[in-house]
């Protein structure tokens, strides 16, 4: 389950920011996770509860925004939502596309005190 290592990395980021800002704890953390990032939301929720114990995130409110995956067809220029990397363009059925969004995994903001 790589979600545990991801959750622990997020804890590390939060602890570094708390230290850098001479704060005591995080009261809110906002995450952005793309639909094609490879993160399973339920597995992250389970891992999160264990990873934050006795850390600066233990009492923090977590907001998670899931980002839809979008692509642009390299043959016809059509922009469209995708569910999988191998989805074809709905306009011309080409598989040649540029991923515009959906692989994100970032800490968007931390509110510290």
PDB file of N, CA and C in Angstrom:
ATOM      1  N   UNK A   1       0.857  -1.179   0.000  1.00  0.00           N
ATOM      2  CA  UNK A   1       0.000   0.000   0.000  1.00  0.00           C
ATOM      3  C   UNK A   1       0.898   1.236   0.000  1.00  0.00           C
ATOM      4  N   UNK A   2       1.045   1.862  -1.156  1.00  0.00           N
ATOM      5  CA  UNK A   2       1.895   3.039  -1.234  1.00  0.00           C
ATOM      6  C   UNK A   2       1.233   4.276  -0.652  1.00  0.00           C
ATOM      7  N   UNK A   3      -0.046   4.212  -0.363  1.00  0.00           N
ATOM      8  CA  UNK A   3      -0.734   5.342   0.246  1.00  0.00           C
ATOM      9  C   UNK A   3      -0.166   5.681   1.627  1.00  0.00           C
ATOM     10  N   UNK A   4       0.316   4.673   2.356  1.00  0.00           N
ATOM     11  CA  UNK A   4       0.920   4.938   3.655  1.00  0.00           C
ATOM     12  C   UNK A   4       2.188   5.774   3.502  1.00  0.00           C
ATOM     13  N   UNK A   5       3.035   5.423   2.548  1.00  0.00           N
ATOM     14  CA  UNK A   5       4.261   6.209   2.352  1.00  0.00           C
ATOM     15  C   UNK A   5       3.926   7.620   1.868  1.00  0.00           C
ATOM     16  N   UNK A   6       2.862   7.766   1.081  1.00  0.00           N
ATOM     17  CA  UNK A   6       2.433   9.090   0.645  1.00  0.00           C
ATOM     18  C   UNK A   6       1.933   9.893   1.841  1.00  0.00           C
ATOM     19  N   UNK A   7       1.122   9.290   2.675  1.00  0.00           N
ATOM     20  CA  UNK A   7       0.624   9.980   3.871  1.00  0.00           C
ATOM     21  C   UNK A   7       1.781  10.392   4.780  1.00  0.00           C
ATOM     22  N   UNK A   8       2.768   9.521   4.923  1.00  0.00           N
ATOM     23  CA  UNK A   8       3.926   9.853   5.770  1.00  0.00           C
ATOM     24  C   UNK A   8       4.753  10.987   5.152  1.00  0.00           C
ATOM     25  N   UNK A   9       4.831  11.027   3.834  1.00  0.00           N
ATOM     26  CA  UNK A   9       5.532  12.128   3.174  1.00  0.00           C
ATOM     27  C   UNK A   9       4.802  13.448   3.391  1.00  0.00           C
ATOM     28  N   UNK A  10       3.479  13.409   3.373  1.00  0.00           N
ATOM     29  CA  UNK A  10       2.691  14.618   3.641  1.00  0.00           C
ATOM     30  C   UNK A  10       2.908  15.080   5.075  1.00  0.00           C
ATOM     31  N   UNK A  11       2.989  14.141   6.008  1.00  0.00           N
ATOM     32  CA  UNK A  11       3.293  14.486   7.403  1.00  0.00           C
ATOM     33  C   UNK A  11       4.656  15.169   7.475  1.00  0.00           C
ATOM     34  N   UNK A  12       5.641  14.638   6.768  1.00  0.00           N
ATOM     35  CA  UNK A  12       6.980  15.245   6.751  1.00  0.00           C
ATOM     36  C   UNK A  12       6.935  16.677   6.233  1.00  0.00           C
ATOM     37  N   UNK A  13       6.185  16.896   5.157  1.00  0.00           N
ATOM     38  CA  UNK A  13       6.047  18.251   4.605  1.00  0.00           C
ATOM     39  C   UNK A  13       5.434  19.175   5.642  1.00  0.00           C
ATOM     40  N   UNK A  14       4.380  18.712   6.301  1.00  0.00           N
ATOM     41  CA  UNK A  14       3.710  19.534   7.315  1.00  0.00           C
ATOM     42  C   UNK A  14       4.644  19.848   8.476  1.00  0.00           C
ATOM     43  N   UNK A  15       5.401  18.854   8.921  1.00  0.00           N
ATOM     44  CA  UNK A  15       6.323  19.082  10.039  1.00  0.00           C
ATOM     45  C   UNK A  15       7.411  20.076   9.665  1.00  0.00           C
ATOM     46  N   UNK A  16       7.903  20.016   8.436  1.00  0.00           N
ATOM     47  CA  UNK A  16       8.912  20.969   7.985  1.00  0.00           C
ATOM     48  C   UNK A  16       8.349  22.391   7.962  1.00  0.00           C
ATOM     49  N   UNK A  17       7.109  22.531   7.491  1.00  0.00           N
ATOM     50  CA  UNK A  17       6.487  23.854   7.433  1.00  0.00           C
ATOM     51  C   UNK A  17       6.204  24.417   8.819  1.00  0.00           C
ATOM     52  N   UNK A  18       5.772  23.559   9.738  1.00  0.00           N
ATOM     53  CA  UNK A  18       5.535  23.992  11.113  1.00  0.00           C
ATOM     54  C   UNK A  18       6.842  24.493  11.735  1.00  0.00           C
ATOM     55  N   UNK A  19       7.900  23.745  11.535  1.00  0.00           N
ATOM     56  CA  UNK A  19       9.208  24.131  12.081  1.00  0.00           C
ATOM     57  C   UNK A  19       9.703  25.433  11.447  1.00  0.00           C
ATOM     58  N   UNK A  20       9.564  25.538  10.123  1.00  0.00           N
ATOM     59  CA  UNK A  20      10.029  26.718   9.403  1.00  0.00           C
ATOM     60  C   UNK A  20       9.293  27.982   9.853  1.00  0.00           C
ATOM     61  N   UNK A  21       8.018  27.831  10.241  1.00  0.00           N
ATOM     62  CA  UNK A  21       7.203  28.978  10.641  1.00  0.00           C
ATOM     63  C   UNK A  21       7.082  29.135  12.153  1.00  0.00           C
ATOM     64  N   UNK A  22       7.888  28.387  12.907  1.00  0.00           N
ATOM     65  CA  UNK A  22       7.855  28.442  14.368  1.00  0.00           C
ATOM     66  C   UNK A  22       6.429  28.302  14.909  1.00  0.00           C
ATOM     67  N   UNK A  23       5.694  27.378  14.341  1.00  0.00           N
ATOM     68  CA  UNK A  23       4.313  27.129  14.756  1.00  0.00           C
ATOM     69  C   UNK A  23       4.263  25.899  15.659  1.00  0.00           C
ATOM     70  N   UNK A  24       3.092  25.631  16.193  1.00  0.00           N
ATOM     71  CA  UNK A  24       2.930  24.493  17.092  1.00  0.00           C
ATOM     72  C   UNK A  24       2.260  23.306  16.400  1.00  0.00           C
ATOM     73  N   UNK A  25       1.279  23.601  15.561  1.00  0.00           N
ATOM     74  CA  UNK A  25       0.544  22.524  14.908  1.00  0.00           C
ATOM     75  C   UNK A  25      -0.165  23.039  13.673  1.00  0.00           C
ATOM     76  N   UNK A  26      -0.700  22.114  12.910  1.00  0.00           N
ATOM     77  CA  UNK A  26      -1.491  22.427  11.720  1.00  0.00           C
ATOM     78  C   UNK A  26      -2.959  22.284  12.099  1.00  0.00           C
ATOM     79  N   UNK A  27      -3.752  23.300  11.756  1.00  0.00           N
ATOM     80  CA  UNK A  27      -5.182  23.182  12.038  1.00  0.00           C
ATOM     81  C   UNK A  27      -5.977  22.774  10.796  1.00  0.00           C
ATOM     82  N   UNK A  28      -5.386  22.993   9.606  1.00  0.00           N
ATOM     83  CA  UNK A  28      -6.053  22.559   8.385  1.00  0.00           C
ATOM     84  C   UNK A  28      -5.020  22.289   7.305  1.00  0.00           C
ATOM     85  N   UNK A  29      -5.253  21.232   6.549  1.00  0.00           N
ATOM     86  CA  UNK A  29      -4.407  20.897   5.413  1.00  0.00           C
ATOM     87  C   UNK A  29      -5.315  20.652   4.218  1.00  0.00           C
ATOM     88  N   UNK A  30      -4.917  21.190   3.083  1.00  0.00           N
ATOM     89  CA  UNK A  30      -5.698  21.031   1.860  1.00  0.00           C
ATOM     90  C   UNK A  30      -4.854  20.289   0.828  1.00  0.00           C
ATOM     91  N   UNK A  31      -5.395  19.176   0.335  1.00  0.00           N
ATOM     92  CA  UNK A  31      -4.704  18.348  -0.647  1.00  0.00           C
ATOM     93  C   UNK A  31      -5.434  18.391  -1.981  1.00  0.00           C
ATOM     94  N   UNK A  32      -4.671  18.267  -3.063  1.00  0.00           N
ATOM     95  CA  UNK A  32      -5.236  18.100  -4.398  1.00  0.00           C
ATOM     96  C   UNK A  32      -4.710  16.785  -4.956  1.00  0.00           C
ATOM     97  N   UNK A  33      -5.640  15.928  -5.378  1.00  0.00           N
ATOM     98  CA  UNK A  33      -5.276  14.604  -5.864  1.00  0.00           C
ATOM     99  C   UNK A  33      -5.976  14.364  -7.200  1.00  0.00           C
ATOM    100  N   UNK A  34      -5.191  14.079  -8.223  1.00  0.00           N
ATOM    101  CA  UNK A  34      -5.733  13.810  -9.542  1.00  0.00           C
ATOM    102  C   UNK A  34      -6.310  12.407  -9.641  1.00  0.00           C
ATOM    103  N   UNK A  35      -7.328  12.283 -10.479  1.00  0.00           N
ATOM    104  CA  UNK A  35      -8.006  11.002 -10.659  1.00  0.00           C
ATOM    105  C   UNK A  35      -7.062   9.915 -11.184  1.00  0.00           C
ATOM    106  N   UNK A  36      -6.037  10.301 -11.933  1.00  0.00           N
ATOM    107  CA  UNK A  36      -5.092   9.337 -12.493  1.00  0.00           C
ATOM    108  C   UNK A  36      -3.756   9.327 -11.743  1.00  0.00           C
ATOM    109  N   UNK A  37      -3.757   9.818 -10.512  1.00  0.00           N
ATOM    110  CA  UNK A  37      -2.515   9.879  -9.732  1.00  0.00           C
ATOM    111  C   UNK A  37      -2.095   8.519  -9.187  1.00  0.00           C
ATOM    112  N   UNK A  38      -2.999   7.557  -9.228  1.00  0.00           N
ATOM    113  CA  UNK A  38      -2.697   6.238  -8.679  1.00  0.00           C
ATOM    114  C   UNK A  38      -3.017   6.117  -7.204  1.00  0.00           C
ATOM    115  N   UNK A  39      -3.644   7.137  -6.641  1.00  0.00           N
ATOM    116  CA  UNK A  39      -4.013   7.135  -5.228  1.00  0.00           C
ATOM    117  C   UNK A  39      -5.431   6.588  -5.087  1.00  0.00           C
ATOM    118  N   UNK A  40      -5.582   5.587  -4.251  1.00  0.00           N
ATOM    119  CA  UNK A  40      -6.901   5.024  -3.948  1.00  0.00           C
ATOM    120  C   UNK A  40      -7.446   5.775  -2.723  1.00  0.00           C
ATOM    121  N   UNK A  41      -8.534   6.551  -2.894  1.00  0.00           N
ATOM    122  CA  UNK A  41      -9.032   7.381  -1.793  1.00  0.00           C
ATOM    123  C   UNK A  41      -9.281   6.626  -0.488  1.00  0.00           C
ATOM    124  N   UNK A  42      -9.878   5.439  -0.548  1.00  0.00           N
ATOM    125  CA  UNK A  42     -10.155   4.688   0.680  1.00  0.00           C
ATOM    126  C   UNK A  42      -8.867   4.224   1.352  1.00  0.00           C
ATOM    127  N   UNK A  43      -7.898   3.833   0.549  1.00  0.00           N
ATOM    128  CA  UNK A  43      -6.611   3.405   1.116  1.00  0.00           C
ATOM    129  C   UNK A  43      -5.886   4.589   1.746  1.00  0.00           C
ATOM    130  N   UNK A  44      -5.986   5.770   1.122  1.00  0.00           N
ATOM    131  CA  UNK A  44      -5.368   6.957   1.700  1.00  0.00           C
ATOM    132  C   UNK A  44      -6.039   7.315   3.020  1.00  0.00           C
ATOM    133  N   UNK A  45      -7.364   7.227   3.076  1.00  0.00           N
ATOM    134  CA  UNK A  45      -8.084   7.521   4.322  1.00  0.00           C
ATOM    135  C   UNK A  45      -7.617   6.598   5.445  1.00  0.00           C
ATOM    136  N   UNK A  46      -7.487   5.310   5.138  1.00  0.00           N
ATOM    137  CA  UNK A  46      -7.049   4.336   6.137  1.00  0.00           C
ATOM    138  C   UNK A  46      -5.618   4.625   6.583  1.00  0.00           C
ATOM    139  N   UNK A  47      -4.729   4.858   5.623  1.00  0.00           N
ATOM    140  CA  UNK A  47      -3.325   5.131   5.938  1.00  0.00           C
ATOM    141  C   UNK A  47      -3.181   6.458   6.682  1.00  0.00           C
ATOM    142  N   UNK A  48      -3.996   7.425   6.311  1.00  0.00           N
ATOM    143  CA  UNK A  48      -3.927   8.761   6.914  1.00  0.00           C
ATOM    144  C   UNK A  48      -4.116   8.681   8.429  1.00  0.00           C
ATOM    145  N   UNK A  49      -5.134   7.931   8.851  1.00  0.00           N
ATOM    146  CA  UNK A  49      -5.426   7.827  10.283  1.00  0.00           C
ATOM    147  C   UNK A  49      -4.232   7.298  11.076  1.00  0.00           C
ATOM    148  N   UNK A  50      -3.474   6.419  10.488  1.00  0.00           N
ATOM    149  CA  UNK A  50      -2.298   5.862  11.170  1.00  0.00           C
ATOM    150  C   UNK A  50      -1.093   6.788  11.068  1.00  0.00           C
ATOM    151  N   UNK A  51      -0.899   7.410   9.909  1.00  0.00           N
ATOM    152  CA  UNK A  51       0.286   8.237   9.669  1.00  0.00           C
ATOM    153  C   UNK A  51       0.307   9.507  10.505  1.00  0.00           C
ATOM    154  N   UNK A  52      -0.849  10.052  10.836  1.00  0.00           N
ATOM    155  CA  UNK A  52      -0.876  11.344  11.537  1.00  0.00           C
ATOM    156  C   UNK A  52      -0.831  11.228  13.062  1.00  0.00           C
ATOM    157  N   UNK A  53      -0.908  10.016  13.590  1.00  0.00           N
ATOM    158  CA  UNK A  53      -0.891   9.850  15.046  1.00  0.00           C
ATOM    159  C   UNK A  53       0.367  10.469  15.655  1.00  0.00           C
ATOM    160  N   UNK A  54       0.160  11.288  16.681  1.00  0.00           N
ATOM    161  CA  UNK A  54       1.237  11.944  17.421  1.00  0.00           C
ATOM    162  C   UNK A  54       2.129  12.798  16.527  1.00  0.00           C
ATOM    163  N   UNK A  55       1.516  13.459  15.514  1.00  0.00           N
ATOM    164  CA  UNK A  55       2.246  14.385  14.646  1.00  0.00           C
ATOM    165  C   UNK A  55       1.533  15.733  14.672  1.00  0.00           C
ATOM    166  N   UNK A  56       2.097  16.701  13.950  1.00  0.00           N
ATOM    167  CA  UNK A  56       1.479  18.026  13.875  1.00  0.00           C
ATOM    168  C   UNK A  56       0.154  18.008  13.134  1.00  0.00           C
ATOM    169  N   UNK A  57      -0.150  16.913  12.470  1.00  0.00           N
ATOM    170  CA  UNK A  57      -1.415  16.794  11.739  1.00  0.00           C
ATOM    171  C   UNK A  57      -2.497  16.031  12.496  1.00  0.00           C
ATOM    172  N   UNK A  58      -2.183  15.572  13.695  1.00  0.00           N
ATOM    173  CA  UNK A  58      -3.110  14.706  14.416  1.00  0.00           C
ATOM    174  C   UNK A  58      -4.501  15.320  14.594  1.00  0.00           C
ATOM    175  N   UNK A  59      -4.577  16.620  14.824  1.00  0.00           N
ATOM    176  CA  UNK A  59      -5.868  17.265  15.061  1.00  0.00           C
ATOM    177  C   UNK A  59      -6.297  18.163  13.905  1.00  0.00           C
ATOM    178  N   UNK A  60      -5.568  18.104  12.815  1.00  0.00           N
ATOM    179  CA  UNK A  60      -5.856  18.969  11.670  1.00  0.00           C
ATOM    180  C   UNK A  60      -7.072  18.479  10.887  1.00  0.00           C
ATOM    181  N   UNK A  61      -7.801  19.432  10.348  1.00  0.00           N
ATOM    182  CA  UNK A  61      -8.898  19.111   9.437  1.00  0.00           C
ATOM    183  C   UNK A  61      -8.275  18.930   8.053  1.00  0.00           C
ATOM    184  N   UNK A  62      -8.638  17.846   7.398  1.00  0.00           N
ATOM    185  CA  UNK A  62      -8.108  17.574   6.055  1.00  0.00           C
ATOM    186  C   UNK A  62      -9.189  17.835   5.018  1.00  0.00           C
ATOM    187  N   UNK A  63      -8.858  18.667   4.043  1.00  0.00           N
ATOM    188  CA  UNK A  63      -9.730  18.905   2.895  1.00  0.00           C
ATOM    189  C   UNK A  63      -9.025  18.304   1.679  1.00  0.00           C
ATOM    190  N   UNK A  64      -9.744  17.475   0.950  1.00  0.00           N
ATOM    191  CA  UNK A  64      -9.175  16.843  -0.235  1.00  0.00           C
ATOM    192  C   UNK A  64     -10.034  17.171  -1.436  1.00  0.00           C
ATOM    193  N   UNK A  65      -9.387  17.700  -2.456  1.00  0.00           N
ATOM    194  CA  UNK A  65     -10.086  17.998  -3.706  1.00  0.00           C
ATOM    195  C   UNK A  65      -9.562  17.041  -4.764  1.00  0.00           C
ATOM    196  N   UNK A  66     -10.474  16.273  -5.347  1.00  0.00           N
ATOM    197  CA  UNK A  66     -10.102  15.336  -6.403  1.00  0.00           C
ATOM    198  C   UNK A  66     -10.278  16.019  -7.750  1.00  0.00           C
ATOM    199  N   UNK A  67      -9.243  15.946  -8.566  1.00  0.00           N
ATOM    200  CA  UNK A  67      -9.207  16.643  -9.850  1.00  0.00           C
ATOM    201  C   UNK A  67      -9.486  15.658 -10.983  1.00  0.00           C
ATOM    202  N   UNK A  68     -10.454  15.993 -11.815  1.00  0.00           N
ATOM    203  CA  UNK A  68     -10.795  15.162 -12.963  1.00  0.00           C
ATOM    204  C   UNK A  68      -9.634  15.144 -13.958  1.00  0.00           C
ATOM    205  N   UNK A  69      -9.527  14.054 -14.677  1.00  0.00           N
ATOM    206  CA  UNK A  69      -8.485  13.915 -15.687  1.00  0.00           C
ATOM    207  C   UNK A  69      -8.995  14.469 -17.018  1.00  0.00           C
ATOM    208  N   UNK A  70      -8.182  15.316 -17.639  1.00  0.00           N
ATOM    209  CA  UNK A  70      -8.512  15.900 -18.934  1.00  0.00           C
ATOM    210  C   UNK A  70      -7.325  15.722 -19.862  1.00  0.00           C
ATOM    211  N   UNK A  71      -7.635  15.572 -21.137  1.00  0.00           N
ATOM    212  CA  UNK A  71      -6.602  15.394 -22.141  1.00  0.00           C
ATOM    213  C   UNK A  71      -6.934  16.218 -23.374  1.00  0.00           C
ATOM    214  N   UNK A  72      -5.910  16.435 -24.198  1.00  0.00           N
ATOM    215  CA  UNK A  72      -6.084  17.132 -25.476  1.00  0.00           C
ATOM    216  C   UNK A  72      -5.578  16.211 -26.577  1.00  0.00           C
ATOM    217  N   UNK A  73      -6.422  15.961 -27.549  1.00  0.00           N
ATOM    218  CA  UNK A  73      -6.061  15.092 -28.667  1.00  0.00           C
ATOM    219  C   UNK A  73      -4.978  15.779 -29.501  1.00  0.00           C
ATOM    220  N   UNK A  74      -3.915  15.061 -29.791  1.00  0.00           N
ATOM    221  CA  UNK A  74      -2.830  15.621 -30.594  1.00  0.00           C
ATOM    222  C   UNK A  74      -3.143  15.580 -32.089  1.00  0.00           C
ATOM    223  N   UNK A  75      -4.186  14.860 -32.460  1.00  0.00           N
ATOM    224  CA  UNK A  75      -4.557  14.798 -33.875  1.00  0.00           C
ATOM    225  C   UNK A  75      -5.605  15.840 -34.259  1.00  0.00           C
ATOM    226  N   UNK A  76      -6.651  15.985 -33.444  1.00  0.00           N
ATOM    227  CA  UNK A  76      -7.729  16.917 -33.824  1.00  0.00           C
ATOM    228  C   UNK A  76      -7.857  18.123 -32.896  1.00  0.00           C
ATOM    229  N   UNK A  77      -7.131  18.118 -31.761  1.00  0.00           N
ATOM    230  CA  UNK A  77      -7.162  19.265 -30.847  1.00  0.00           C
ATOM    231  C   UNK A  77      -8.313  19.272 -29.858  1.00  0.00           C
ATOM    232  N   UNK A  78      -9.163  18.268 -29.887  1.00  0.00           N
ATOM    233  CA  UNK A  78     -10.296  18.189 -28.973  1.00  0.00           C
ATOM    234  C   UNK A  78      -9.815  17.987 -27.525  1.00  0.00           C
ATOM    235  N   UNK A  79     -10.409  18.725 -26.580  1.00  0.00           N
ATOM    236  CA  UNK A  79     -10.144  18.519 -25.159  1.00  0.00           C
ATOM    237  C   UNK A  79     -11.303  17.734 -24.565  1.00  0.00           C
ATOM    238  N   UNK A  80     -10.972  16.742 -23.729  1.00  0.00           N
ATOM    239  CA  UNK A  80     -12.006  15.853 -23.207  1.00  0.00           C
ATOM    240  C   UNK A  80     -11.578  15.233 -21.885  1.00  0.00           C
ATOM    241  N   UNK A  81     -12.574  14.782 -21.100  1.00  0.00           N
ATOM    242  CA  UNK A  81     -12.310  14.071 -19.851  1.00  0.00           C
ATOM    243  C   UNK A  81     -11.959  12.628 -20.169  1.00  0.00           C
ATOM    244  N   UNK A  82     -11.046  12.065 -19.364  1.00  0.00           N
ATOM    245  CA  UNK A  82     -10.694  10.661 -19.522  1.00  0.00           C
ATOM    246  C   UNK A  82     -10.795   9.954 -18.177  1.00  0.00           C
ATOM    247  N   UNK A  83     -11.021   8.654 -18.241  1.00  0.00           N
ATOM    248  CA  UNK A  83     -11.056   7.829 -17.042  1.00  0.00           C
ATOM    249  C   UNK A  83      -9.795   6.992 -16.905  1.00  0.00           C
ATOM    250  N   UNK A  84      -9.122   6.752 -18.035  1.00  0.00           N
ATOM    251  CA  UNK A  84      -7.923   5.920 -18.073  1.00  0.00           C
ATOM    252  C   UNK A  84      -6.920   6.524 -19.045  1.00  0.00           C
ATOM    253  N   UNK A  85      -5.651   6.202 -18.854  1.00  0.00           N
ATOM    254  CA  UNK A  85      -4.613   6.708 -19.742  1.00  0.00           C
ATOM    255  C   UNK A  85      -4.830   6.264 -21.190  1.00  0.00           C
ATOM    256  N   UNK A  86      -5.452   5.128 -21.387  1.00  0.00           N
ATOM    257  CA  UNK A  86      -5.601   4.564 -22.729  1.00  0.00           C
ATOM    258  C   UNK A  86      -6.915   4.937 -23.406  1.00  0.00           C
ATOM    259  N   UNK A  87      -7.685   5.851 -22.838  1.00  0.00           N
ATOM    260  CA  UNK A  87      -8.937   6.273 -23.476  1.00  0.00           C
ATOM    261  C   UNK A  87      -8.644   6.977 -24.796  1.00  0.00           C
ATOM    262  N   UNK A  88      -9.536   6.764 -25.761  1.00  0.00           N
ATOM    263  CA  UNK A  88      -9.382   7.400 -27.067  1.00  0.00           C
ATOM    264  C   UNK A  88     -10.141   8.715 -27.110  1.00  0.00           C
ATOM    265  N   UNK A  89      -9.799   9.532 -28.080  1.00  0.00           N
ATOM    266  CA  UNK A  89     -10.499  10.798 -28.310  1.00  0.00           C
ATOM    267  C   UNK A  89     -11.923  10.487 -28.748  1.00  0.00           C
ATOM    268  N   UNK A  90     -12.921  11.103 -28.119  1.00  0.00           N
ATOM    269  CA  UNK A  90     -14.302  10.833 -28.517  1.00  0.00           C
ATOM    270  C   UNK A  90     -14.654  11.421 -29.882  1.00  0.00           C
ATOM    271  N   UNK A  91     -13.844  12.348 -30.389  1.00  0.00           N
ATOM    272  CA  UNK A  91     -14.139  12.959 -31.685  1.00  0.00           C
ATOM    273  C   UNK A  91     -13.547  12.183 -32.858  1.00  0.00           C
ATOM    274  N   UNK A  92     -12.261  11.785 -32.739  1.00  0.00           N
ATOM    275  CA  UNK A  92     -11.603  11.155 -33.889  1.00  0.00           C
ATOM    276  C   UNK A  92     -11.068   9.750 -33.595  1.00  0.00           C
ATOM    277  N   UNK A  93     -11.254   9.267 -32.372  1.00  0.00           N
ATOM    278  CA  UNK A  93     -10.836   7.931 -31.922  1.00  0.00           C
ATOM    279  C   UNK A  93      -9.315   7.737 -31.902  1.00  0.00           C
ATOM    280  N   UNK A  94      -8.568   8.830 -31.936  1.00  0.00           N
ATOM    281  CA  UNK A  94      -7.113   8.743 -31.836  1.00  0.00           C
ATOM    282  C   UNK A  94      -6.715   8.443 -30.390  1.00  0.00           C
ATOM    283  N   UNK A  95      -5.604   7.754 -30.236  1.00  0.00           N
ATOM    284  CA  UNK A  95      -5.056   7.495 -28.896  1.00  0.00           C
ATOM    285  C   UNK A  95      -3.919   8.453 -28.562  1.00  0.00           C
ATOM    286  N   UNK A  96      -3.574   9.318 -29.492  1.00  0.00           N
ATOM    287  CA  UNK A  96      -2.493  10.281 -29.286  1.00  0.00           C
ATOM    288  C   UNK A  96      -3.058  11.493 -28.548  1.00  0.00           C
ATOM    289  N   UNK A  97      -2.640  11.650 -27.305  1.00  0.00           N
ATOM    290  CA  UNK A  97      -3.176  12.753 -26.509  1.00  0.00           C
ATOM    291  C   UNK A  97      -2.127  13.273 -25.537  1.00  0.00           C
ATOM    292  N   UNK A  98      -2.363  14.491 -25.111  1.00  0.00           N
ATOM    293  CA  UNK A  98      -1.544  15.135 -24.085  1.00  0.00           C
ATOM    294  C   UNK A  98      -2.401  15.232 -22.831  1.00  0.00           C
ATOM    295  N   UNK A  99      -1.885  14.768 -21.716  1.00  0.00           N
ATOM    296  CA  UNK A  99      -2.618  14.842 -20.458  1.00  0.00           C
ATOM    297  C   UNK A  99      -2.532  16.265 -19.925  1.00  0.00           C
ATOM    298  N   UNK A 100      -3.679  16.883 -19.685  1.00  0.00           N
ATOM    299  CA  UNK A 100      -3.742  18.255 -19.188  1.00  0.00           C
ATOM    300  C   UNK A 100      -3.871  18.319 -17.676  1.00  0.00           C
ATOM    301  N   UNK A 101      -4.591  17.371 -17.103  1.00  0.00           N
ATOM    302  CA  UNK A 101      -4.761  17.328 -15.653  1.00  0.00           C
ATOM    303  C   UNK A 101      -5.165  15.920 -15.248  1.00  0.00           C
ATOM    304  N   UNK A 102      -4.974  15.642 -13.959  1.00  0.00           N
ATOM    305  CA  UNK A 102      -5.399  14.348 -13.439  1.00  0.00           C
ATOM    306  C   UNK A 102      -4.319  13.560 -12.736  1.00  0.00           C
ATOM    307  N   UNK A 103      -3.046  13.996 -12.831  1.00  0.00           N
ATOM    308  CA  UNK A 103      -1.964  13.276 -12.156  1.00  0.00           C
ATOM    309  C   UNK A 103      -1.475  14.020 -10.905  1.00  0.00           C
ATOM    310  N   UNK A 104      -2.154  15.088 -10.537  1.00  0.00           N
ATOM    311  CA  UNK A 104      -1.715  15.915  -9.420  1.00  0.00           C
ATOM    312  C   UNK A 104      -1.698  15.152  -8.095  1.00  0.00           C
ATOM    313  N   UNK A 105      -0.758  15.513  -7.285  1.00  0.00           N
ATOM    314  CA  UNK A 105      -0.701  15.065  -5.888  1.00  0.00           C
ATOM    315  C   UNK A 105       0.095  16.130  -5.159  1.00  0.00           C
ATOM    316  N   UNK A 106      -0.608  17.049  -4.510  1.00  0.00           N
ATOM    317  CA  UNK A 106       0.097  18.151  -3.860  1.00  0.00           C
ATOM    318  C   UNK A 106      -0.608  18.629  -2.600  1.00  0.00           C
ATOM    319  N   UNK A 107       0.208  19.186  -1.726  1.00  0.00           N
ATOM    320  CA  UNK A 107      -0.315  19.897  -0.563  1.00  0.00           C
ATOM    321  C   UNK A 107      -0.557  21.314  -1.056  1.00  0.00           C
ATOM    322  N   UNK A 108      -1.815  21.679  -1.173  1.00  0.00           N
ATOM    323  CA  UNK A 108      -2.156  23.012  -1.694  1.00  0.00           C
ATOM    324  C   UNK A 108      -1.959  24.077  -0.623  1.00  0.00           C
ATOM    325  N   UNK A 109      -2.369  23.769   0.606  1.00  0.00           N
ATOM    326  CA  UNK A 109      -2.199  24.766   1.670  1.00  0.00           C
ATOM    327  C   UNK A 109      -2.165  24.093   3.041  1.00  0.00           C
ATOM    328  N   UNK A 110      -1.534  24.801   3.955  1.00  0.00           N
ATOM    329  CA  UNK A 110      -1.480  24.416   5.366  1.00  0.00           C
ATOM    330  C   UNK A 110      -1.830  25.646   6.190  1.00  0.00           C
ATOM    331  N   UNK A 111      -2.687  25.482   7.175  1.00  0.00           N
ATOM    332  CA  UNK A 111      -2.973  26.547   8.107  1.00  0.00           C
ATOM    333  C   UNK A 111      -2.361  26.119   9.450  1.00  0.00           C
ATOM    334  N   UNK A 112      -1.406  26.935   9.922  1.00  0.00           N
ATOM    335  CA  UNK A 112      -0.676  26.581  11.133  1.00  0.00           C
ATOM    336  C   UNK A 112      -0.938  27.604  12.229  1.00  0.00           C
ATOM    337  N   UNK A 113      -0.763  27.144  13.477  1.00  0.00           N
ATOM    338  CA  UNK A 113      -0.865  28.064  14.622  1.00  0.00           C
ATOM    339  C   UNK A 113       0.326  27.850  15.528  1.00  0.00           C
TER     340      UNK A 113
END
